[in-house]
PDB file of N, CA and C in Angstrom:
ATOM      1  N   MET A   1      15.120  35.510 -17.143  1.00  0.00           N
ATOM      2  CA  MET A   1      15.732  35.366 -15.715  1.00  0.00           C
ATOM      3  C   MET A   1      14.182  35.057 -15.181  1.00  0.00           C
ATOM      4  N   VAL A   2      14.250  33.406 -14.031  1.00  0.00           N
ATOM      5  CA  VAL A   2      13.439  32.937 -13.295  1.00  0.00           C
ATOM      6  C   VAL A   2      12.993  34.198 -12.335  1.00  0.00           C
ATOM      7  N   ARG A   3      11.714  34.161 -12.491  1.00  0.00           N
ATOM      8  CA  ARG A   3      11.015  34.671 -11.192  1.00  0.00           C
ATOM      9  C   ARG A   3      10.429  34.091 -10.105  1.00  0.00           C
ATOM     10  N   ILE A   4      10.711  34.111  -9.232  1.00  0.00           N
ATOM     11  CA  ILE A   4       9.756  32.684  -7.939  1.00  0.00           C
ATOM     12  C   ILE A   4       8.982  34.008  -7.871  1.00  0.00           C
ATOM     13  N   LYS A   5       7.285  33.285  -7.488  1.00  0.00           N
ATOM     14  CA  LYS A   5       6.298  34.259  -7.452  1.00  0.00           C
ATOM     15  C   LYS A   5       6.199  34.653  -6.098  1.00  0.00           C
ATOM     16  N   PRO A   6       5.304  35.655  -5.455  1.00  0.00           N
ATOM     17  CA  PRO A   6       5.157  35.769  -4.364  1.00  0.00           C
ATOM     18  C   PRO A   6       4.090  34.843  -3.394  1.00  0.00           C
ATOM     19  N   ILE A   7       4.041  34.836  -2.737  1.00  0.00           N
ATOM     20  CA  ILE A   7       2.310  33.637  -1.894  1.00  0.00           C
ATOM     21  C   ILE A   7       1.157  34.742  -2.585  1.00  0.00           C
ATOM     22  N   PRO A   8       0.517  34.117  -3.125  1.00  0.00           N
ATOM     23  CA  PRO A   8      -0.661  34.826  -3.055  1.00  0.00           C
ATOM     24  C   PRO A   8      -1.587  35.394  -2.538  1.00  0.00           C
ATOM     25  N   LYS A   9      -1.849  36.270  -2.327  1.00  0.00           N
ATOM     26  CA  LYS A   9      -2.988  37.346  -1.451  1.00  0.00           C
ATOM     27  C   LYS A   9      -3.672  36.591  -1.693  1.00  0.00           C
ATOM     28  N   ARG A  10      -4.892  36.181  -1.840  1.00  0.00           N
ATOM     29  CA  ARG A  10      -5.501  34.996  -1.662  1.00  0.00           C
ATOM     30  C   ARG A  10      -5.565  33.474  -0.983  1.00  0.00           C
ATOM     31  N   LEU A  11      -4.242  33.649  -1.103  1.00  0.00           N
ATOM     32  CA  LEU A  11      -4.230  32.897   0.577  1.00  0.00           C
ATOM     33  C   LEU A  11      -3.817  33.149   1.765  1.00  0.00           C
ATOM     34  N   LEU A  12      -3.204  34.824   1.587  1.00  0.00           N
ATOM     35  CA  LEU A  12      -2.831  35.387   3.052  1.00  0.00           C
ATOM     36  C   LEU A  12      -3.842  35.721   3.262  1.00  0.00           C
ATOM     37  N   ILE A  13      -4.814  34.832   4.395  1.00  0.00           N
ATOM     38  CA  ILE A  13      -6.775  35.090   4.630  1.00  0.00           C
ATOM     39  C   ILE A  13      -6.321  35.629   5.980  1.00  0.00           C
ATOM     40  N   HIS A  14      -5.430  36.182   6.668  1.00  0.00           N
ATOM     41  CA  HIS A  14      -5.490  36.828   8.092  1.00  0.00           C
ATOM     42  C   HIS A  14      -4.958  37.593   8.253  1.00  0.00           C
ATOM     43  N   ILE A  15      -5.442  38.134   9.478  1.00  0.00           N
ATOM     44  CA  ILE A  15      -5.006  39.763  10.014  1.00  0.00           C
ATOM     45  C   ILE A  15      -4.632  39.501  11.672  1.00  0.00           C
ATOM     46  N   ILE A  16      -3.509  40.143  11.713  1.00  0.00           N
ATOM     47  CA  ILE A  16      -2.917  39.844  13.355  1.00  0.00           C
ATOM     48  C   ILE A  16      -2.464  41.474  13.501  1.00  0.00           C
ATOM     49  N   GLU A  17      -2.335  41.445  14.641  1.00  0.00           N
ATOM     50  CA  GLU A  17      -2.417  42.674  15.798  1.00  0.00           C
ATOM     51  C   GLU A  17      -0.946  42.015  16.292  1.00  0.00           C
ATOM     52  N   TYR A  18      -0.367  43.230  16.303  1.00  0.00           N
ATOM     53  CA  TYR A  18       1.392  43.041  16.342  1.00  0.00           C
ATOM     54  C   TYR A  18       1.701  43.945  17.723  1.00  0.00           C
ATOM     55  N   GLU A  19       2.118  43.554  18.652  1.00  0.00           N
ATOM     56  CA  GLU A  19       2.864  44.407  19.966  1.00  0.00           C
ATOM     57  C   GLU A  19       4.580  44.849  20.126  1.00  0.00           C
ATOM     58  N   GLU A  20       4.629  45.031  19.051  1.00  0.00           N
ATOM     59  CA  GLU A  20       7.085  45.231  19.186  1.00  0.00           C
ATOM     60  C   GLU A  20       7.414  45.328  20.818  1.00  0.00           C
ATOM     61  N   PHE A  21       7.966  43.961  21.326  1.00  0.00           N
ATOM     62  CA  PHE A  21       8.739  44.016  22.461  1.00  0.00           C
ATOM     63  C   PHE A  21      10.009  45.035  21.705  1.00  0.00           C
ATOM     64  N   ILE A  22      10.043  45.717  23.255  1.00  0.00           N
ATOM     65  CA  ILE A  22      11.134  47.029  22.927  1.00  0.00           C
ATOM     66  C   ILE A  22      12.018  46.624  24.024  1.00  0.00           C
ATOM     67  N   ARG A  23      11.973  46.211  25.192  1.00  0.00           N
ATOM     68  CA  ARG A  23      12.843  46.118  26.071  1.00  0.00           C
ATOM     69  C   ARG A  23      12.418  45.588  27.519  1.00  0.00           C
ATOM     70  N   ASP A  24      12.900  44.592  28.085  1.00  0.00           N
ATOM     71  CA  ASP A  24      12.332  44.535  29.522  1.00  0.00           C
ATOM     72  C   ASP A  24      13.192  45.712  30.388  1.00  0.00           C
ATOM     73  N   GLY A  25      11.932  46.247  31.624  1.00  0.00           N
ATOM     74  CA  GLY A  25      12.693  47.257  31.897  1.00  0.00           C
ATOM     75  C   GLY A  25      12.075  47.361  33.119  1.00  0.00           C
ATOM     76  N   SER A  26      12.296  47.907  34.398  1.00  0.00           N
ATOM     77  CA  SER A  26      12.477  47.903  35.817  1.00  0.00           C
ATOM     78  C   SER A  26      10.685  47.538  36.134  1.00  0.00           C
ATOM     79  N   PHE A  27       9.994  48.072  35.372  1.00  0.00           N
ATOM     80  CA  PHE A  27       8.401  47.389  35.781  1.00  0.00           C
ATOM     81  C   PHE A  27       8.207  46.023  34.860  1.00  0.00           C
ATOM     82  N   GLY A  28       8.723  45.424  34.026  1.00  0.00           N
ATOM     83  CA  GLY A  28       8.547  44.438  33.240  1.00  0.00           C
ATOM     84  C   GLY A  28       9.006  45.070  31.964  1.00  0.00           C
ATOM     85  N   GLU A  29       7.943  44.194  31.015  1.00  0.00           N
ATOM     86  CA  GLU A  29       8.194  44.278  29.810  1.00  0.00           C
ATOM     87  C   GLU A  29       7.439  45.833  29.265  1.00  0.00           C
ATOM     88  N   GLU A  30       8.728  45.655  27.867  1.00  0.00           N
ATOM     89  CA  GLU A  30       7.961  47.006  27.498  1.00  0.00           C
ATOM     90  C   GLU A  30       7.644  47.089  25.763  1.00  0.00           C
ATOM     91  N   PHE A  31       6.617  47.494  25.370  1.00  0.00           N
ATOM     92  CA  PHE A  31       6.131  47.305  23.645  1.00  0.00           C
ATOM     93  C   PHE A  31       5.852  47.984  23.366  1.00  0.00           C
ATOM     94  N   ALA A  32       6.154  48.270  22.134  1.00  0.00           N
ATOM     95  CA  ALA A  32       5.237  49.465  21.094  1.00  0.00           C
ATOM     96  C   ALA A  32       3.686  50.053  20.777  1.00  0.00           C
ATOM     97  N   PRO A  33       3.392  50.626  20.465  1.00  0.00           N
ATOM     98  CA  PRO A  33       1.940  50.403  20.518  1.00  0.00           C
ATOM     99  C   PRO A  33       1.499  49.063  19.140  1.00  0.00           C
ATOM    100  N   LYS A  34       0.440  49.262  19.820  1.00  0.00           N
ATOM    101  CA  LYS A  34      -0.257  47.408  19.001  1.00  0.00           C
ATOM    102  C   LYS A  34      -0.670  48.926  17.414  1.00  0.00           C
ATOM    103  N   GLU A  35      -0.756  47.399  16.871  1.00  0.00           N
ATOM    104  CA  GLU A  35      -0.630  47.820  15.160  1.00  0.00           C
ATOM    105  C   GLU A  35      -1.125  46.318  14.795  1.00  0.00           C
ATOM    106  N   THR A  36      -1.820  46.371  13.636  1.00  0.00           N
ATOM    107  CA  THR A  36      -2.855  45.272  12.827  1.00  0.00           C
ATOM    108  C   THR A  36      -1.568  45.435  11.449  1.00  0.00           C
ATOM    109  N   ILE A  37      -1.253  43.882  11.415  1.00  0.00           N
ATOM    110  CA  ILE A  37      -0.811  43.615   9.728  1.00  0.00           C
ATOM    111  C   ILE A  37      -1.905  42.554   9.176  1.00  0.00           C
ATOM    112  N   SER A  38      -2.031  42.815   8.425  1.00  0.00           N
ATOM    113  CA  SER A  38      -3.109  42.113   7.400  1.00  0.00           C
ATOM    114  C   SER A  38      -2.799  41.106   6.412  1.00  0.00           C
ATOM    115  N   PHE A  39      -2.856  40.591   5.762  1.00  0.00           N
ATOM    116  CA  PHE A  39      -2.561  39.493   4.406  1.00  0.00           C
ATOM    117  C   PHE A  39      -1.030  39.323   4.627  1.00  0.00           C
ATOM    118  N   VAL A  40      -1.646  38.347   5.909  1.00  0.00           N
ATOM    119  CA  VAL A  40      -0.754  36.952   6.317  1.00  0.00           C
ATOM    120  C   VAL A  40      -1.335  35.613   6.637  1.00  0.00           C
ATOM    121  N   LEU A  41      -0.482  34.623   6.930  1.00  0.00           N
ATOM    122  CA  LEU A  41      -1.503  33.287   6.941  1.00  0.00           C
ATOM    123  C   LEU A  41      -0.819  32.845   8.378  1.00  0.00           C
ATOM    124  N   VAL A  42      -2.132  32.296   9.322  1.00  0.00           N
ATOM    125  CA  VAL A  42      -1.420  32.019  10.274  1.00  0.00           C
ATOM    126  C   VAL A  42      -1.660  30.220  10.739  1.00  0.00           C
ATOM    127  N   GLN A  43      -1.076  29.268  10.836  1.00  0.00           N
ATOM    128  CA  GLN A  43      -1.432  27.936  10.710  1.00  0.00           C
ATOM    129  C   GLN A  43      -0.978  26.738  11.482  1.00  0.00           C
ATOM    130  N   PRO A  44      -1.720  26.517  12.496  1.00  0.00           N
ATOM    131  CA  PRO A  44      -0.966  26.050  13.079  1.00  0.00           C
ATOM    132  C   PRO A  44      -0.252  24.300  13.152  1.00  0.00           C
ATOM    133  N   LYS A  45       1.007  24.408  13.959  1.00  0.00           N
ATOM    134  CA  LYS A  45       2.413  23.948  14.105  1.00  0.00           C
ATOM    135  C   LYS A  45       2.809  23.259  14.956  1.00  0.00           C
ATOM    136  N   SER A  46       2.992  22.114  15.704  1.00  0.00           N
ATOM    137  CA  SER A  46       3.761  22.444  16.818  1.00  0.00           C
ATOM    138  C   SER A  46       4.545  21.245  16.486  1.00  0.00           C
ATOM    139  N   GLU A  47       5.948  22.477  16.842  1.00  0.00           N
ATOM    140  CA  GLU A  47       7.149  21.942  16.849  1.00  0.00           C
ATOM    141  C   GLU A  47       8.173  22.668  17.765  1.00  0.00           C
ATOM    142  N   LEU A  48       9.181  21.559  18.367  1.00  0.00           N
ATOM    143  CA  LEU A  48      10.581  21.900  19.211  1.00  0.00           C
ATOM    144  C   LEU A  48      11.245  22.855  18.989  1.00  0.00           C
ATOM    145  N   LYS A  49      11.334  24.181  18.924  1.00  0.00           N
ATOM    146  CA  LYS A  49      12.175  24.691  18.667  1.00  0.00           C
ATOM    147  C   LYS A  49      12.824  25.971  19.839  1.00  0.00           C
ATOM    148  N   ARG A  50      14.184  26.072  19.436  1.00  0.00           N
ATOM    149  CA  ARG A  50      15.076  26.585  20.379  1.00  0.00           C
ATOM    150  C   ARG A  50      15.111  28.067  20.270  1.00  0.00           C
ATOM    151  N   ASP A  51      14.555  28.468  22.135  1.00  0.00           N
ATOM    152  CA  ASP A  51      14.613  30.252  21.871  1.00  0.00           C
ATOM    153  C   ASP A  51      15.721  31.117  21.696  1.00  0.00           C
ATOM    154  N   SER A  52      15.811  32.107  22.344  1.00  0.00           N
ATOM    155  CA  SER A  52      16.525  33.504  21.771  1.00  0.00           C
ATOM    156  C   SER A  52      18.117  32.794  23.577  1.00  0.00           C
ATOM    157  N   ASN A  53      17.421  32.568  24.312  1.00  0.00           N
ATOM    158  CA  ASN A  53      18.433  31.550  25.272  1.00  0.00           C
ATOM    159  C   ASN A  53      18.582  30.502  24.930  1.00  0.00           C
ATOM    160  N   GLY A  54      18.115  29.309  23.597  1.00  0.00           N
ATOM    161  CA  GLY A  54      18.734  28.806  24.041  1.00  0.00           C
ATOM    162  C   GLY A  54      17.972  26.829  24.087  1.00  0.00           C
ATOM    163  N   GLU A  55      16.505  27.490  24.773  1.00  0.00           N
ATOM    164  CA  GLU A  55      16.179  25.994  25.613  1.00  0.00           C
ATOM    165  C   GLU A  55      14.903  25.806  24.566  1.00  0.00           C
ATOM    166  N   GLU A  56      14.748  24.870  24.712  1.00  0.00           N
ATOM    167  CA  GLU A  56      13.659  24.206  24.044  1.00  0.00           C
ATOM    168  C   GLU A  56      12.073  24.694  24.362  1.00  0.00           C
ATOM    169  N   VAL A  57      11.470  25.194  23.615  1.00  0.00           N
ATOM    170  CA  VAL A  57      10.246  25.367  23.464  1.00  0.00           C
ATOM    171  C   VAL A  57       9.283  25.005  22.295  1.00  0.00           C
ATOM    172  N   GLN A  58       8.401  24.454  22.946  1.00  0.00           N
ATOM    173  CA  GLN A  58       6.800  24.197  22.030  1.00  0.00           C
ATOM    174  C   GLN A  58       6.668  24.810  21.582  1.00  0.00           C
ATOM    175  N   THR A  59       6.666  25.409  19.857  1.00  0.00           N
ATOM    176  CA  THR A  59       5.350  26.150  18.983  1.00  0.00           C
ATOM    177  C   THR A  59       4.235  25.264  18.939  1.00  0.00           C
ATOM    178  N   ARG A  60       3.613  26.459  18.894  1.00  0.00           N
ATOM    179  CA  ARG A  60       1.925  26.482  18.423  1.00  0.00           C
ATOM    180  C   ARG A  60       1.611  26.652  16.991  1.00  0.00           C
ATOM    181  N   GLY A  61       2.442  27.586  16.401  1.00  0.00           N
ATOM    182  CA  GLY A  61       2.146  28.158  14.931  1.00  0.00           C
ATOM    183  C   GLY A  61       3.667  28.627  14.641  1.00  0.00           C
ATOM    184  N   ILE A  62       3.071  28.952  12.900  1.00  0.00           N
ATOM    185  CA  ILE A  62       3.498  29.663  11.985  1.00  0.00           C
ATOM    186  C   ILE A  62       2.546  31.129  11.321  1.00  0.00           C
ATOM    187  N   ILE A  63       3.612  31.821  11.224  1.00  0.00           N
ATOM    188  CA  ILE A  63       3.012  33.053  10.624  1.00  0.00           C
ATOM    189  C   ILE A  63       3.606  33.517   9.349  1.00  0.00           C
ATOM    190  N   PHE A  64       2.733  33.386   8.568  1.00  0.00           N
ATOM    191  CA  PHE A  64       4.098  33.960   7.037  1.00  0.00           C
ATOM    192  C   PHE A  64       3.905  35.043   6.850  1.00  0.00           C
ATOM    193  N   LEU A  65       4.790  36.248   6.317  1.00  0.00           N
ATOM    194  CA  LEU A  65       4.568  37.463   5.772  1.00  0.00           C
ATOM    195  C   LEU A  65       4.924  37.401   4.532  1.00  0.00           C
ATOM    196  N   ASP A  66       4.442  38.058   3.200  1.00  0.00           N
ATOM    197  CA  ASP A  66       5.235  37.563   1.764  1.00  0.00           C
ATOM    198  C   ASP A  66       5.667  39.021   1.839  1.00  0.00           C
ATOM    199  N   SER A  67       6.357  39.331   1.200  1.00  0.00           N
ATOM    200  CA  SER A  67       7.511  40.554   0.585  1.00  0.00           C
ATOM    201  C   SER A  67       6.754  41.401  -0.361  1.00  0.00           C
ATOM    202  N   VAL A  68       5.596  40.715  -0.964  1.00  0.00           N
ATOM    203  CA  VAL A  68       4.894  41.514  -1.675  1.00  0.00           C
ATOM    204  C   VAL A  68       3.474  41.834  -1.078  1.00  0.00           C
ATOM    205  N   ASN A  69       2.886  40.734  -0.956  1.00  0.00           N
ATOM    206  CA  ASN A  69       1.650  41.593  -0.901  1.00  0.00           C
ATOM    207  C   ASN A  69       1.001  41.433   0.748  1.00  0.00           C
ATOM    208  N   THR A  70       2.380  41.233   1.676  1.00  0.00           N
ATOM    209  CA  THR A  70       1.891  41.673   3.119  1.00  0.00           C
ATOM    210  C   THR A  70       2.398  42.727   3.604  1.00  0.00           C
ATOM    211  N   PRO A  71       1.221  44.009   3.421  1.00  0.00           N
ATOM    212  CA  PRO A  71       1.904  45.734   3.209  1.00  0.00           C
ATOM    213  C   PRO A  71       2.892  46.106   4.071  1.00  0.00           C
ATOM    214  N   LYS A  72       3.234  45.371   5.257  1.00  0.00           N
ATOM    215  CA  LYS A  72       3.901  46.275   6.844  1.00  0.00           C
ATOM    216  C   LYS A  72       4.852  44.731   7.078  1.00  0.00           C
ATOM    217  N   PHE A  73       5.670  44.252   5.755  1.00  0.00           N
ATOM    218  CA  PHE A  73       6.161  43.027   6.095  1.00  0.00           C
ATOM    219  C   PHE A  73       7.693  43.985   6.064  1.00  0.00           C
ATOM    220  N   ARG A  74       7.942  43.541   7.199  1.00  0.00           N
ATOM    221  CA  ARG A  74       9.015  43.440   7.961  1.00  0.00           C
ATOM    222  C   ARG A  74       9.929  42.237   9.152  1.00  0.00           C
ATOM    223  N   ARG A  75      10.866  41.990   9.487  1.00  0.00           N
ATOM    224  CA  ARG A  75      11.310  40.854  10.419  1.00  0.00           C
ATOM    225  C   ARG A  75      10.310  41.268  11.578  1.00  0.00           C
ATOM    226  N   LEU A  76       9.680  40.293  12.930  1.00  0.00           N
ATOM    227  CA  LEU A  76       9.064  40.543  13.999  1.00  0.00           C
ATOM    228  C   LEU A  76      10.472  39.398  14.828  1.00  0.00           C
ATOM    229  N   ARG A  77       9.965  40.515  15.314  1.00  0.00           N
ATOM    230  CA  ARG A  77      10.677  40.448  16.704  1.00  0.00           C
ATOM    231  C   ARG A  77      10.922  39.182  17.981  1.00  0.00           C
ATOM    232  N   GLU A  78      11.629  38.865  18.652  1.00  0.00           N
ATOM    233  CA  GLU A  78      11.583  37.563  18.864  1.00  0.00           C
ATOM    234  C   GLU A  78      10.769  38.194  20.105  1.00  0.00           C
ATOM    235  N   LYS A  79      10.140  37.906  21.500  1.00  0.00           N
ATOM    236  CA  LYS A  79       9.581  38.340  22.688  1.00  0.00           C
ATOM    237  C   LYS A  79       7.836  38.832  22.250  1.00  0.00           C
ATOM    238  N   SER A  80       8.194  39.973  20.605  1.00  0.00           N
ATOM    239  CA  SER A  80       6.402  40.348  21.287  1.00  0.00           C
ATOM    240  C   SER A  80       5.186  39.619  20.553  1.00  0.00           C
ATOM    241  N   LYS A  81       4.952  40.310  21.184  1.00  0.00           N
ATOM    242  CA  LYS A  81       3.414  39.822  20.945  1.00  0.00           C
ATOM    243  C   LYS A  81       2.708  39.862  20.264  1.00  0.00           C
ATOM    244  N   ILE A  82       1.567  38.884  19.551  1.00  0.00           N
ATOM    245  CA  ILE A  82       0.532  38.486  18.510  1.00  0.00           C
ATOM    246  C   ILE A  82      -0.550  38.117  18.573  1.00  0.00           C
ATOM    247  N   ARG A  83      -1.860  38.917  18.463  1.00  0.00           N
ATOM    248  CA  ARG A  83      -2.476  38.614  18.556  1.00  0.00           C
ATOM    249  C   ARG A  83      -3.161  38.107  17.700  1.00  0.00           C
ATOM    250  N   PHE A  84      -3.618  36.865  17.920  1.00  0.00           N
ATOM    251  CA  PHE A  84      -5.069  35.900  16.403  1.00  0.00           C
ATOM    252  C   PHE A  84      -6.070  35.531  16.591  1.00  0.00           C
ATOM    253  N   LYS A  85      -6.924  35.525  16.343  1.00  0.00           N
ATOM    254  CA  LYS A  85      -8.729  35.272  17.110  1.00  0.00           C
ATOM    255  C   LYS A  85      -8.742  35.398  18.743  1.00  0.00           C
ATOM    256  N   GLU A  86      -8.290  36.615  19.044  1.00  0.00           N
ATOM    257  CA  GLU A  86      -8.250  36.717  20.728  1.00  0.00           C
ATOM    258  C   GLU A  86      -7.130  35.876  21.453  1.00  0.00           C
ATOM    259  N   ILE A  87      -6.411  35.152  20.861  1.00  0.00           N
ATOM    260  CA  ILE A  87      -5.902  34.216  21.303  1.00  0.00           C
ATOM    261  C   ILE A  87      -4.263  34.773  21.740  1.00  0.00           C
ATOM    262  N   GLU A  88      -3.425  35.309  22.193  1.00  0.00           N
ATOM    263  CA  GLU A  88      -1.613  35.391  22.835  1.00  0.00           C
ATOM    264  C   GLU A  88      -0.897  34.950  22.187  1.00  0.00           C
ATOM    265  N   PHE A  89      -0.205  35.446  21.686  1.00  0.00           N
ATOM    266  CA  PHE A  89       1.072  34.480  21.098  1.00  0.00           C
ATOM    267  C   PHE A  89       2.067  35.333  21.464  1.00  0.00           C
ATOM    268  N   ARG A  90       3.404  34.615  21.334  1.00  0.00           N
ATOM    269  CA  ARG A  90       4.833  35.551  21.713  1.00  0.00           C
ATOM    270  C   ARG A  90       6.124  34.611  20.420  1.00  0.00           C
ATOM    271  N   VAL A  91       6.090  35.741  19.905  1.00  0.00           N
ATOM    272  CA  VAL A  91       7.223  35.476  18.566  1.00  0.00           C
ATOM    273  C   VAL A  91       8.266  34.797  19.145  1.00  0.00           C
ATOM    274  N   VAL A  92       8.799  33.375  19.189  1.00  0.00           N
ATOM    275  CA  VAL A  92      10.209  33.113  19.643  1.00  0.00           C
ATOM    276  C   VAL A  92      11.224  33.165  18.114  1.00  0.00           C
ATOM    277  N   ALA A  93      10.663  33.084  17.040  1.00  0.00           N
ATOM    278  CA  ALA A  93      11.939  32.941  15.964  1.00  0.00           C
ATOM    279  C   ALA A  93      11.524  33.855  14.342  1.00  0.00           C
ATOM    280  N   CYS A  94      11.637  34.274  13.843  1.00  0.00           N
ATOM    281  CA  CYS A  94      10.911  34.813  12.717  1.00  0.00           C
ATOM    282  C   CYS A  94      12.815  34.593  11.566  1.00  0.00           C
ATOM    283  N   ASP A  95      12.335  33.252  10.825  1.00  0.00           N
ATOM    284  CA  ASP A  95      12.760  32.925   9.729  1.00  0.00           C
ATOM    285  C   ASP A  95      13.266  33.600   8.635  1.00  0.00           C
ATOM    286  N   ALA A  96      13.884  34.863   8.186  1.00  0.00           N
ATOM    287  CA  ALA A  96      13.969  35.211   6.449  1.00  0.00           C
ATOM    288  C   ALA A  96      14.133  33.337   5.651  1.00  0.00           C
ATOM    289  N   LEU A  97      13.814  33.348   4.306  1.00  0.00           N
ATOM    290  CA  LEU A  97      13.868  32.592   3.397  1.00  0.00           C
ATOM    291  C   LEU A  97      13.184  33.527   1.826  1.00  0.00           C
ATOM    292  N   TYR A  98      14.488  33.026   1.157  1.00  0.00           N
ATOM    293  CA  TYR A  98      15.056  34.072   0.508  1.00  0.00           C
ATOM    294  C   TYR A  98      15.071  32.899  -1.348  1.00  0.00           C
ATOM    295  N   ALA A  99      14.910  33.873  -2.293  1.00  0.00           N
ATOM    296  CA  ALA A  99      14.469  32.960  -3.323  1.00  0.00           C
ATOM    297  C   ALA A  99      15.540  33.844  -4.008  1.00  0.00           C
ATOM    298  N   LEU A 100      15.862  34.696  -5.344  1.00  0.00           N
ATOM    299  CA  LEU A 100      16.112  35.056  -5.810  1.00  0.00           C
ATOM    300  C   LEU A 100      17.103  35.549  -5.347  1.00  0.00           C
ATOM    301  N   ASP A 101      16.460  36.759  -4.789  1.00  0.00           N
ATOM    302  CA  ASP A 101      17.388  38.122  -4.395  1.00  0.00           C
ATOM    303  C   ASP A 101      17.560  37.803  -2.708  1.00  0.00           C
ATOM    304  N   PRO A 102      18.994  37.994  -2.773  1.00  0.00           N
ATOM    305  CA  PRO A 102      19.838  38.152  -1.898  1.00  0.00           C
ATOM    306  C   PRO A 102      19.747  39.001  -0.543  1.00  0.00           C
ATOM    307  N   ILE A 103      19.455  40.034  -1.177  1.00  0.00           N
ATOM    308  CA  ILE A 103      19.117  40.697  -0.252  1.00  0.00           C
ATOM    309  C   ILE A 103      17.885  40.756   0.838  1.00  0.00           C
ATOM    310  N   ILE A 104      16.764  41.075  -0.130  1.00  0.00           N
ATOM    311  CA  ILE A 104      15.511  41.201   0.616  1.00  0.00           C
ATOM    312  C   ILE A 104      14.690  39.563   0.122  1.00  0.00           C
ATOM    313  N   PRO A 105      14.261  38.880   1.620  1.00  0.00           N
ATOM    314  CA  PRO A 105      13.565  37.761   1.148  1.00  0.00           C
ATOM    315  C   PRO A 105      12.262  37.754   0.787  1.00  0.00           C
ATOM    316  N   HIS A 106      12.438  36.543   0.163  1.00  0.00           N
ATOM    317  CA  HIS A 106      11.081  35.645  -0.890  1.00  0.00           C
ATOM    318  C   HIS A 106      10.081  36.503   0.864  1.00  0.00           C
ATOM    319  N   HIS A 107      10.146  35.457   1.776  1.00  0.00           N
ATOM    320  CA  HIS A 107       8.876  35.992   3.266  1.00  0.00           C
ATOM    321  C   HIS A 107       9.625  35.446   4.642  1.00  0.00           C
ATOM    322  N   TYR A 108       8.721  36.098   5.325  1.00  0.00           N
ATOM    323  CA  TYR A 108       9.482  35.330   6.699  1.00  0.00           C
ATOM    324  C   TYR A 108       8.563  34.098   7.373  1.00  0.00           C
ATOM    325  N   GLU A 109       8.539  33.325   8.049  1.00  0.00           N
ATOM    326  CA  GLU A 109       7.899  32.460   8.652  1.00  0.00           C
ATOM    327  C   GLU A 109       8.818  32.703  10.053  1.00  0.00           C
ATOM    328  N   VAL A 110       6.885  33.016  11.326  1.00  0.00           N
ATOM    329  CA  VAL A 110       7.714  33.887  12.722  1.00  0.00           C
ATOM    330  C   VAL A 110       7.128  31.893  13.078  1.00  0.00           C
ATOM    331  N   SER A 111       7.909  31.716  14.195  1.00  0.00           N
ATOM    332  CA  SER A 111       7.492  30.609  14.969  1.00  0.00           C
ATOM    333  C   SER A 111       6.942  31.149  16.088  1.00  0.00           C
ATOM    334  N   VAL A 112       5.777  30.398  16.829  1.00  0.00           N
ATOM    335  CA  VAL A 112       4.985  31.374  17.915  1.00  0.00           C
ATOM    336  C   VAL A 112       4.418  30.322  18.986  1.00  0.00           C
ATOM    337  N   VAL A 113       4.413  30.964  20.192  1.00  0.00           N
ATOM    338  CA  VAL A 113       3.808  30.006  21.259  1.00  0.00           C
ATOM    339  C   VAL A 113       3.075  30.645  21.893  1.00  0.00           C
TER     340      VAL A 113
END
């Protein structure tokens, strides 16, 4: 059987802070408490992408989360906040990429603005 290897831990060199978007409340946006996610890779990348409203946005980076080597591996919710090196980003898309397992993604690629 062919086995697709995870993203090597030695390449997942970054740590991010994540505040999951809960909802738009009467007093503004509401977020879950901040949590730290380690063993991710943050890559600057500029590209046009459509957000949840169908509008084009210019992304500033992609964050990779590996199913094996990222301890808090899960889909990151759109509109959530991410802080990396004192810069705040917002999640505009979280794409699951599959290898051979049709249920569990190999990794997520999170587009941020």
